[in-house]
Structures are given as C-alpha cells and as structure tokens.
PDB file of N, CA and C in Angstrom:
ATOM      1  N   MET A   1       0.846  -1.183   0.000  1.00  0.00           N
ATOM      2  CA  MET A   1       0.000   0.000   0.000  1.00  0.00           C
ATOM      3  C   MET A   1       0.886   1.240   0.000  1.00  0.00           C
ATOM      4  N   SER A   2       0.627   2.166  -0.887  1.00  0.00           N
ATOM      5  CA  SER A   2       1.459   3.367  -0.977  1.00  0.00           C
ATOM      6  C   SER A   2       0.914   4.475  -0.072  1.00  0.00           C
ATOM      7  N   LYS A   3       1.825   5.404   0.266  1.00  0.00           N
ATOM      8  CA  LYS A   3       1.452   6.528   1.114  1.00  0.00           C
ATOM      9  C   LYS A   3       0.798   7.627   0.277  1.00  0.00           C
ATOM     10  N   PRO A   4      -0.166   8.352   0.849  1.00  0.00           N
ATOM     11  CA  PRO A   4      -0.713   9.504   0.133  1.00  0.00           C
ATOM     12  C   PRO A   4       0.378  10.556  -0.057  1.00  0.00           C
ATOM     13  N   GLU A   5       0.255  11.353  -1.092  1.00  0.00           N
ATOM     14  CA  GLU A   5       1.258  12.360  -1.419  1.00  0.00           C
ATOM     15  C   GLU A   5       1.426  13.425  -0.339  1.00  0.00           C
ATOM     16  N   ASP A   6       0.378  13.730   0.430  1.00  0.00           N
ATOM     17  CA  ASP A   6       0.459  14.813   1.402  1.00  0.00           C
ATOM     18  C   ASP A   6       1.015  14.380   2.765  1.00  0.00           C
ATOM     19  N   VAL A   7       1.425  13.144   2.902  1.00  0.00           N
ATOM     20  CA  VAL A   7       1.999  12.664   4.159  1.00  0.00           C
ATOM     21  C   VAL A   7       3.507  12.902   4.111  1.00  0.00           C
ATOM     22  N   PRO A   8       4.051  13.677   5.072  1.00  0.00           N
ATOM     23  CA  PRO A   8       5.487  13.928   5.050  1.00  0.00           C
ATOM     24  C   PRO A   8       6.273  12.664   5.367  1.00  0.00           C
ATOM     25  N   PRO A   9       7.522  12.601   4.911  1.00  0.00           N
ATOM     26  CA  PRO A   9       8.333  11.422   5.217  1.00  0.00           C
ATOM     27  C   PRO A   9       8.634  11.347   6.707  1.00  0.00           C
ATOM     28  N   GLU A  10       8.934  10.159   7.164  1.00  0.00           N
ATOM     29  CA  GLU A  10       9.300   9.976   8.568  1.00  0.00           C
ATOM     30  C   GLU A  10      10.583  10.756   8.858  1.00  0.00           C
ATOM     31  N   PRO A  11      10.691  11.359  10.060  1.00  0.00           N
ATOM     32  CA  PRO A  11      11.914  12.090  10.382  1.00  0.00           C
ATOM     33  C   PRO A  11      13.106  11.147  10.478  1.00  0.00           C
ATOM     34  N   THR A  12      14.254  11.694  10.160  1.00  0.00           N
ATOM     35  CA  THR A  12      15.496  10.945  10.280  1.00  0.00           C
ATOM     36  C   THR A  12      16.447  11.747  11.154  1.00  0.00           C
ATOM     37  N   PRO A  13      17.417  11.117  11.793  1.00  0.00           N
ATOM     38  CA  PRO A  13      18.395  11.880  12.579  1.00  0.00           C
ATOM     39  C   PRO A  13      19.104  12.948  11.750  1.00  0.00           C
ATOM     40  N   GLU A  14      19.413  12.625  10.492  1.00  0.00           N
ATOM     41  CA  GLU A  14      20.082  13.593   9.626  1.00  0.00           C
ATOM     42  C   GLU A  14      19.167  14.778   9.334  1.00  0.00           C
ATOM     43  N   GLY A  15      17.903  14.490   9.059  1.00  0.00           N
ATOM     44  CA  GLY A  15      16.934  15.556   8.799  1.00  0.00           C
ATOM     45  C   GLY A  15      16.688  16.408  10.032  1.00  0.00           C
ATOM     46  N   ASP A  16      16.622  15.751  11.189  1.00  0.00           N
ATOM     47  CA  ASP A  16      16.443  16.496  12.433  1.00  0.00           C
ATOM     48  C   ASP A  16      17.634  17.414  12.685  1.00  0.00           C
ATOM     49  N   LEU A  17      18.841  16.916  12.453  1.00  0.00           N
ATOM     50  CA  LEU A  17      20.036  17.728  12.661  1.00  0.00           C
ATOM     51  C   LEU A  17      20.047  18.928  11.719  1.00  0.00           C
ATOM     52  N   ALA A  18      19.662  18.735  10.479  1.00  0.00           N
ATOM     53  CA  ALA A  18      19.613  19.835   9.518  1.00  0.00           C
ATOM     54  C   ALA A  18      18.590  20.888   9.955  1.00  0.00           C
ATOM     55  N   LEU A  19      17.434  20.430  10.416  1.00  0.00           N
ATOM     56  CA  LEU A  19      16.402  21.351  10.881  1.00  0.00           C
ATOM     57  C   LEU A  19      16.850  22.093  12.138  1.00  0.00           C
ATOM     58  N   GLN A  20      17.441  21.376  13.079  1.00  0.00           N
ATOM     59  CA  GLN A  20      17.938  21.993  14.312  1.00  0.00           C
ATOM     60  C   GLN A  20      19.013  23.033  14.008  1.00  0.00           C
ATOM     61  N   THR A  21      19.908  22.707  13.090  1.00  0.00           N
ATOM     62  CA  THR A  21      20.975  23.632  12.718  1.00  0.00           C
ATOM     63  C   THR A  21      20.406  24.876  12.053  1.00  0.00           C
ATOM     64  N   ALA A  22      19.449  24.699  11.156  1.00  0.00           N
ATOM     65  CA  ALA A  22      18.821  25.833  10.487  1.00  0.00           C
ATOM     66  C   ALA A  22      18.092  26.728  11.491  1.00  0.00           C
ATOM     67  N   LEU A  23      17.399  26.126  12.450  1.00  0.00           N
ATOM     68  CA  LEU A  23      16.688  26.903  13.458  1.00  0.00           C
ATOM     69  C   LEU A  23      17.661  27.681  14.339  1.00  0.00           C
ATOM     70  N   ALA A  24      18.725  27.031  14.792  1.00  0.00           N
ATOM     71  CA  ALA A  24      19.726  27.712  15.617  1.00  0.00           C
ATOM     72  C   ALA A  24      20.373  28.862  14.850  1.00  0.00           C
ATOM     73  N   ASP A  25      20.719  28.632  13.579  1.00  0.00           N
ATOM     74  CA  ASP A  25      21.314  29.687  12.754  1.00  0.00           C
ATOM     75  C   ASP A  25      20.343  30.859  12.588  1.00  0.00           C
ATOM     76  N   ALA A  26      19.070  30.556  12.342  1.00  0.00           N
ATOM     77  CA  ALA A  26      18.075  31.611  12.166  1.00  0.00           C
ATOM     78  C   ALA A  26      17.887  32.420  13.450  1.00  0.00           C
ATOM     79  N   ILE A  27      17.853  31.755  14.594  1.00  0.00           N
ATOM     80  CA  ILE A  27      17.698  32.447  15.874  1.00  0.00           C
ATOM     81  C   ILE A  27      18.878  33.380  16.116  1.00  0.00           C
ATOM     82  N   GLU A  28      20.091  32.884  15.896  1.00  0.00           N
ATOM     83  CA  GLU A  28      21.280  33.713  16.106  1.00  0.00           C
ATOM     84  C   GLU A  28      21.296  34.909  15.157  1.00  0.00           C
ATOM     85  N   ALA A  29      20.955  34.693  13.887  1.00  0.00           N
ATOM     86  CA  ALA A  29      20.949  35.778  12.901  1.00  0.00           C
ATOM     87  C   ALA A  29      19.874  36.813  13.225  1.00  0.00           C
ATOM     88  N   TYR A  30      18.683  36.356  13.600  1.00  0.00           N
ATOM     89  CA  TYR A  30      17.588  37.276  13.937  1.00  0.00           C
ATOM     90  C   TYR A  30      17.951  38.114  15.167  1.00  0.00           C
ATOM     91  N   ALA A  31      18.470  37.471  16.204  1.00  0.00           N
ATOM     92  CA  ALA A  31      18.840  38.193  17.420  1.00  0.00           C
ATOM     93  C   ALA A  31      19.942  39.212  17.146  1.00  0.00           C
ATOM     94  N   ALA A  32      20.937  38.839  16.349  1.00  0.00           N
ATOM     95  CA  ALA A  32      22.014  39.766  16.015  1.00  0.00           C
ATOM     96  C   ALA A  32      21.470  40.976  15.268  1.00  0.00           C
ATOM     97  N   ARG A  33      20.560  40.735  14.333  1.00  0.00           N
ATOM     98  CA  ARG A  33      19.956  41.824  13.549  1.00  0.00           C
ATOM     99  C   ARG A  33      19.166  42.763  14.450  1.00  0.00           C
ATOM    100  N   VAL A  34      18.368  42.214  15.354  1.00  0.00           N
ATOM    101  CA  VAL A  34      17.561  43.038  16.266  1.00  0.00           C
ATOM    102  C   VAL A  34      18.453  43.832  17.218  1.00  0.00           C
ATOM    103  N   HIS A  35      19.490  43.196  17.754  1.00  0.00           N
ATOM    104  CA  HIS A  35      20.400  43.895  18.667  1.00  0.00           C
ATOM    105  C   HIS A  35      21.120  45.044  17.969  1.00  0.00           C
ATOM    106  N   GLU A  36      21.478  44.848  16.711  1.00  0.00           N
ATOM    107  CA  GLU A  36      22.238  45.874  15.993  1.00  0.00           C
ATOM    108  C   GLU A  36      21.366  46.984  15.429  1.00  0.00           C
ATOM    109  N   TYR A  37      20.181  46.643  14.906  1.00  0.00           N
ATOM    110  CA  TYR A  37      19.379  47.630  14.181  1.00  0.00           C
ATOM    111  C   TYR A  37      18.010  47.912  14.777  1.00  0.00           C
ATOM    112  N   GLY A  38      17.572  47.163  15.769  1.00  0.00           N
ATOM    113  CA  GLY A  38      16.253  47.361  16.352  1.00  0.00           C
ATOM    114  C   GLY A  38      15.254  46.320  15.873  1.00  0.00           C
ATOM    115  N   GLU A  39      14.068  46.430  16.392  1.00  0.00           N
ATOM    116  CA  GLU A  39      13.025  45.435  16.132  1.00  0.00           C
ATOM    117  C   GLU A  39      12.654  45.333  14.660  1.00  0.00           C
ATOM    118  N   ILE A  40      12.434  44.101  14.231  1.00  0.00           N
ATOM    119  CA  ILE A  40      11.867  43.807  12.915  1.00  0.00           C
ATOM    120  C   ILE A  40      10.851  42.691  13.110  1.00  0.00           C
ATOM    121  N   PRO A  41       9.837  42.653  12.259  1.00  0.00           N
ATOM    122  CA  PRO A  41       8.874  41.556  12.382  1.00  0.00           C
ATOM    123  C   PRO A  41       9.576  40.215  12.145  1.00  0.00           C
ATOM    124  N   PRO A  42       9.202  39.185  12.886  1.00  0.00           N
ATOM    125  CA  PRO A  42       9.866  37.891  12.716  1.00  0.00           C
ATOM    126  C   PRO A  42       9.462  37.161  11.438  1.00  0.00           C
ATOM    127  N   PHE A  43       8.344  37.545  10.844  1.00  0.00           N
ATOM    128  CA  PHE A  43       7.868  36.872   9.638  1.00  0.00           C
ATOM    129  C   PHE A  43       7.680  37.907   8.536  1.00  0.00           C
ATOM    130  N   PRO A  44       7.936  37.528   7.278  1.00  0.00           N
ATOM    131  CA  PRO A  44       7.756  38.472   6.179  1.00  0.00           C
ATOM    132  C   PRO A  44       6.285  38.788   5.957  1.00  0.00           C
ATOM    133  N   GLU A  45       6.041  39.965   5.398  1.00  0.00           N
ATOM    134  CA  GLU A  45       4.666  40.380   5.111  1.00  0.00           C
ATOM    135  C   GLU A  45       3.984  39.344   4.232  1.00  0.00           C
ATOM    136  N   GLY A  46       2.780  38.993   4.608  1.00  0.00           N
ATOM    137  CA  GLY A  46       1.998  38.032   3.845  1.00  0.00           C
ATOM    138  C   GLY A  46       2.220  36.581   4.232  1.00  0.00           C
ATOM    139  N   ARG A  47       3.207  36.314   5.058  1.00  0.00           N
ATOM    140  CA  ARG A  47       3.477  34.927   5.487  1.00  0.00           C
ATOM    141  C   ARG A  47       2.705  34.663   6.765  1.00  0.00           C
ATOM    142  N   GLU A  48       1.764  33.743   6.704  1.00  0.00           N
ATOM    143  CA  GLU A  48       0.984  33.402   7.880  1.00  0.00           C
ATOM    144  C   GLU A  48       1.602  32.203   8.587  1.00  0.00           C
ATOM    145  N   VAL A  49       1.803  32.348   9.891  1.00  0.00           N
ATOM    146  CA  VAL A  49       2.293  31.259  10.728  1.00  0.00           C
ATOM    147  C   VAL A  49       1.237  31.042  11.806  1.00  0.00           C
ATOM    148  N   GLN A  50       0.818  29.818  11.974  1.00  0.00           N
ATOM    149  CA  GLN A  50      -0.253  29.503  12.910  1.00  0.00           C
ATOM    150  C   GLN A  50       0.196  29.716  14.362  1.00  0.00           C
ATOM    151  N   PRO A  51      -0.687  30.246  15.227  1.00  0.00           N
ATOM    152  CA  PRO A  51      -0.341  30.434  16.627  1.00  0.00           C
ATOM    153  C   PRO A  51       0.135  29.156  17.307  1.00  0.00           C
ATOM    154  N   SER A  52      -0.464  28.024  16.968  1.00  0.00           N
ATOM    155  CA  SER A  52      -0.033  26.764  17.597  1.00  0.00           C
ATOM    156  C   SER A  52       1.388  26.398  17.184  1.00  0.00           C
ATOM    157  N   GLU A  53       1.773  26.726  15.946  1.00  0.00           N
ATOM    158  CA  GLU A  53       3.139  26.469  15.493  1.00  0.00           C
ATOM    159  C   GLU A  53       4.132  27.360  16.243  1.00  0.00           C
ATOM    160  N   VAL A  54       3.756  28.616  16.423  1.00  0.00           N
ATOM    161  CA  VAL A  54       4.612  29.552  17.173  1.00  0.00           C
ATOM    162  C   VAL A  54       4.758  29.080  18.613  1.00  0.00           C
ATOM    163  N   ALA A  55       3.647  28.717  19.247  1.00  0.00           N
ATOM    164  CA  ALA A  55       3.684  28.290  20.645  1.00  0.00           C
ATOM    165  C   ALA A  55       4.510  27.014  20.817  1.00  0.00           C
ATOM    166  N   THR A  56       4.343  26.055  19.926  1.00  0.00           N
ATOM    167  CA  THR A  56       5.102  24.813  20.002  1.00  0.00           C
ATOM    168  C   THR A  56       6.600  25.081  19.893  1.00  0.00           C
ATOM    169  N   THR A  57       6.974  25.892  18.918  1.00  0.00           N
ATOM    170  CA  THR A  57       8.383  26.203  18.688  1.00  0.00           C
ATOM    171  C   THR A  57       8.959  27.027  19.831  1.00  0.00           C
ATOM    172  N   ALA A  58       8.230  28.069  20.246  1.00  0.00           N
ATOM    173  CA  ALA A  58       8.718  28.929  21.330  1.00  0.00           C
ATOM    174  C   ALA A  58       8.886  28.137  22.627  1.00  0.00           C
ATOM    175  N   ALA A  59       7.938  27.274  22.941  1.00  0.00           N
ATOM    176  CA  ALA A  59       8.033  26.478  24.163  1.00  0.00           C
ATOM    177  C   ALA A  59       9.256  25.561  24.134  1.00  0.00           C
ATOM    178  N   ALA A  60       9.518  24.938  22.999  1.00  0.00           N
ATOM    179  CA  ALA A  60      10.682  24.052  22.890  1.00  0.00           C
ATOM    180  C   ALA A  60      11.983  24.837  23.009  1.00  0.00           C
ATOM    181  N   ILE A  61      12.037  26.009  22.390  1.00  0.00           N
ATOM    182  CA  ILE A  61      13.240  26.849  22.458  1.00  0.00           C
ATOM    183  C   ILE A  61      13.473  27.318  23.890  1.00  0.00           C
ATOM    184  N   LEU A  62      12.436  27.812  24.549  1.00  0.00           N
ATOM    185  CA  LEU A  62      12.574  28.294  25.926  1.00  0.00           C
ATOM    186  C   LEU A  62      13.002  27.172  26.862  1.00  0.00           C
ATOM    187  N   LYS A  63      12.435  25.998  26.694  1.00  0.00           N
ATOM    188  CA  LYS A  63      12.800  24.860  27.540  1.00  0.00           C
ATOM    189  C   LYS A  63      14.258  24.469  27.309  1.00  0.00           C
ATOM    190  N   ALA A  64      14.670  24.396  26.054  1.00  0.00           N
ATOM    191  CA  ALA A  64      16.045  24.012  25.732  1.00  0.00           C
ATOM    192  C   ALA A  64      17.063  25.032  26.241  1.00  0.00           C
ATOM    193  N   ALA A  65      16.674  26.312  26.229  1.00  0.00           N
ATOM    194  CA  ALA A  65      17.569  27.373  26.687  1.00  0.00           C
ATOM    195  C   ALA A  65      17.449  27.620  28.190  1.00  0.00           C
ATOM    196  N   GLU A  66      16.597  26.845  28.842  1.00  0.00           N
ATOM    197  CA  GLU A  66      16.363  26.970  30.277  1.00  0.00           C
ATOM    198  C   GLU A  66      15.931  28.384  30.679  1.00  0.00           C
ATOM    199  N   VAL A  67      14.989  28.939  29.906  1.00  0.00           N
ATOM    200  CA  VAL A  67      14.375  30.219  30.217  1.00  0.00           C
ATOM    201  C   VAL A  67      13.050  29.914  30.904  1.00  0.00           C
ATOM    202  N   TYR A  68      12.838  30.506  32.065  1.00  0.00           N
ATOM    203  CA  TYR A  68      11.663  30.197  32.869  1.00  0.00           C
ATOM    204  C   TYR A  68      10.686  31.354  32.893  1.00  0.00           C
ATOM    205  N   SER A  69       9.468  31.075  33.326  1.00  0.00           N
ATOM    206  CA  SER A  69       8.392  32.062  33.252  1.00  0.00           C
ATOM    207  C   SER A  69       8.719  33.355  33.992  1.00  0.00           C
ATOM    208  N   PHE A  70       9.413  33.282  35.129  1.00  0.00           N
ATOM    209  CA  PHE A  70       9.710  34.515  35.852  1.00  0.00           C
ATOM    210  C   PHE A  70      10.704  35.367  35.061  1.00  0.00           C
ATOM    211  N   GLU A  71      11.588  34.748  34.280  1.00  0.00           N
ATOM    212  CA  GLU A  71      12.508  35.504  33.435  1.00  0.00           C
ATOM    213  C   GLU A  71      11.769  36.170  32.282  1.00  0.00           C
ATOM    214  N   ILE A  72      10.795  35.480  31.734  1.00  0.00           N
ATOM    215  CA  ILE A  72       9.984  36.067  30.662  1.00  0.00           C
ATOM    216  C   ILE A  72       9.206  37.246  31.214  1.00  0.00           C
ATOM    217  N   ALA A  73       8.632  37.092  32.378  1.00  0.00           N
ATOM    218  CA  ALA A  73       7.893  38.189  32.999  1.00  0.00           C
ATOM    219  C   ALA A  73       8.790  39.398  33.212  1.00  0.00           C
ATOM    220  N   ALA A  74      10.017  39.174  33.639  1.00  0.00           N
ATOM    221  CA  ALA A  74      10.954  40.284  33.848  1.00  0.00           C
ATOM    222  C   ALA A  74      11.307  40.972  32.532  1.00  0.00           C
ATOM    223  N   MET A  75      11.459  40.209  31.466  1.00  0.00           N
ATOM    224  CA  MET A  75      11.801  40.799  30.169  1.00  0.00           C
ATOM    225  C   MET A  75      10.685  41.679  29.639  1.00  0.00           C
ATOM    226  N   PHE A  76       9.452  41.301  29.918  1.00  0.00           N
ATOM    227  CA  PHE A  76       8.305  42.049  29.405  1.00  0.00           C
ATOM    228  C   PHE A  76       7.645  42.917  30.468  1.00  0.00           C
ATOM    229  N   ASN A  77       8.264  43.027  31.637  1.00  0.00           N
ATOM    230  CA  ASN A  77       7.740  43.836  32.740  1.00  0.00           C
ATOM    231  C   ASN A  77       6.291  43.502  33.071  1.00  0.00           C
ATOM    232  N   ILE A  78       6.017  42.188  33.193  1.00  0.00           N
ATOM    233  CA  ILE A  78       4.643  41.767  33.544  1.00  0.00           C
ATOM    234  C   ILE A  78       4.644  41.036  34.864  1.00  0.00           C
TER     235      ILE A  78
END
C-alpha cells in the first residue's frame, strides 16, 4: 500500500540535525539583527504562521535554553 502524497516522510536523525541547525542559525541571525538595528517583524509580510506552530516552537526553544516564566515576565515587565 502506498502513502498519500500529502503525508510527510518519517523524520530521520540527519533531517532532524539539519532542521535543528537551520533553526539555531536563524535564531542567532535574527537576534544579532535586532540587537544591531532594532526590532523587525519575525515573519515576512503576507506569510501566515499559525499560533499553535509559534507556541510549540517557542516552548521548545525556551525549555532548551532553560528560560523560565519569571525571566519572561521580567523581560516584558509583567
């Protein structure tokens, strides 16, 4: 039985490493740009990113970087 065309391939360690590397590179580049020139939108005009995708990614990044809720509150003065 063949797979439907819209089903993504199973993840592989090599694919995961490539994705992790791309994400880390993007985070470092975005942060450097913001620190040097000021705020810019994280997504290009017209590109829609679902809130659940943002929340999933942000939660994983914060957990991996060991950033906790009280630190987030301090950064945003809440």
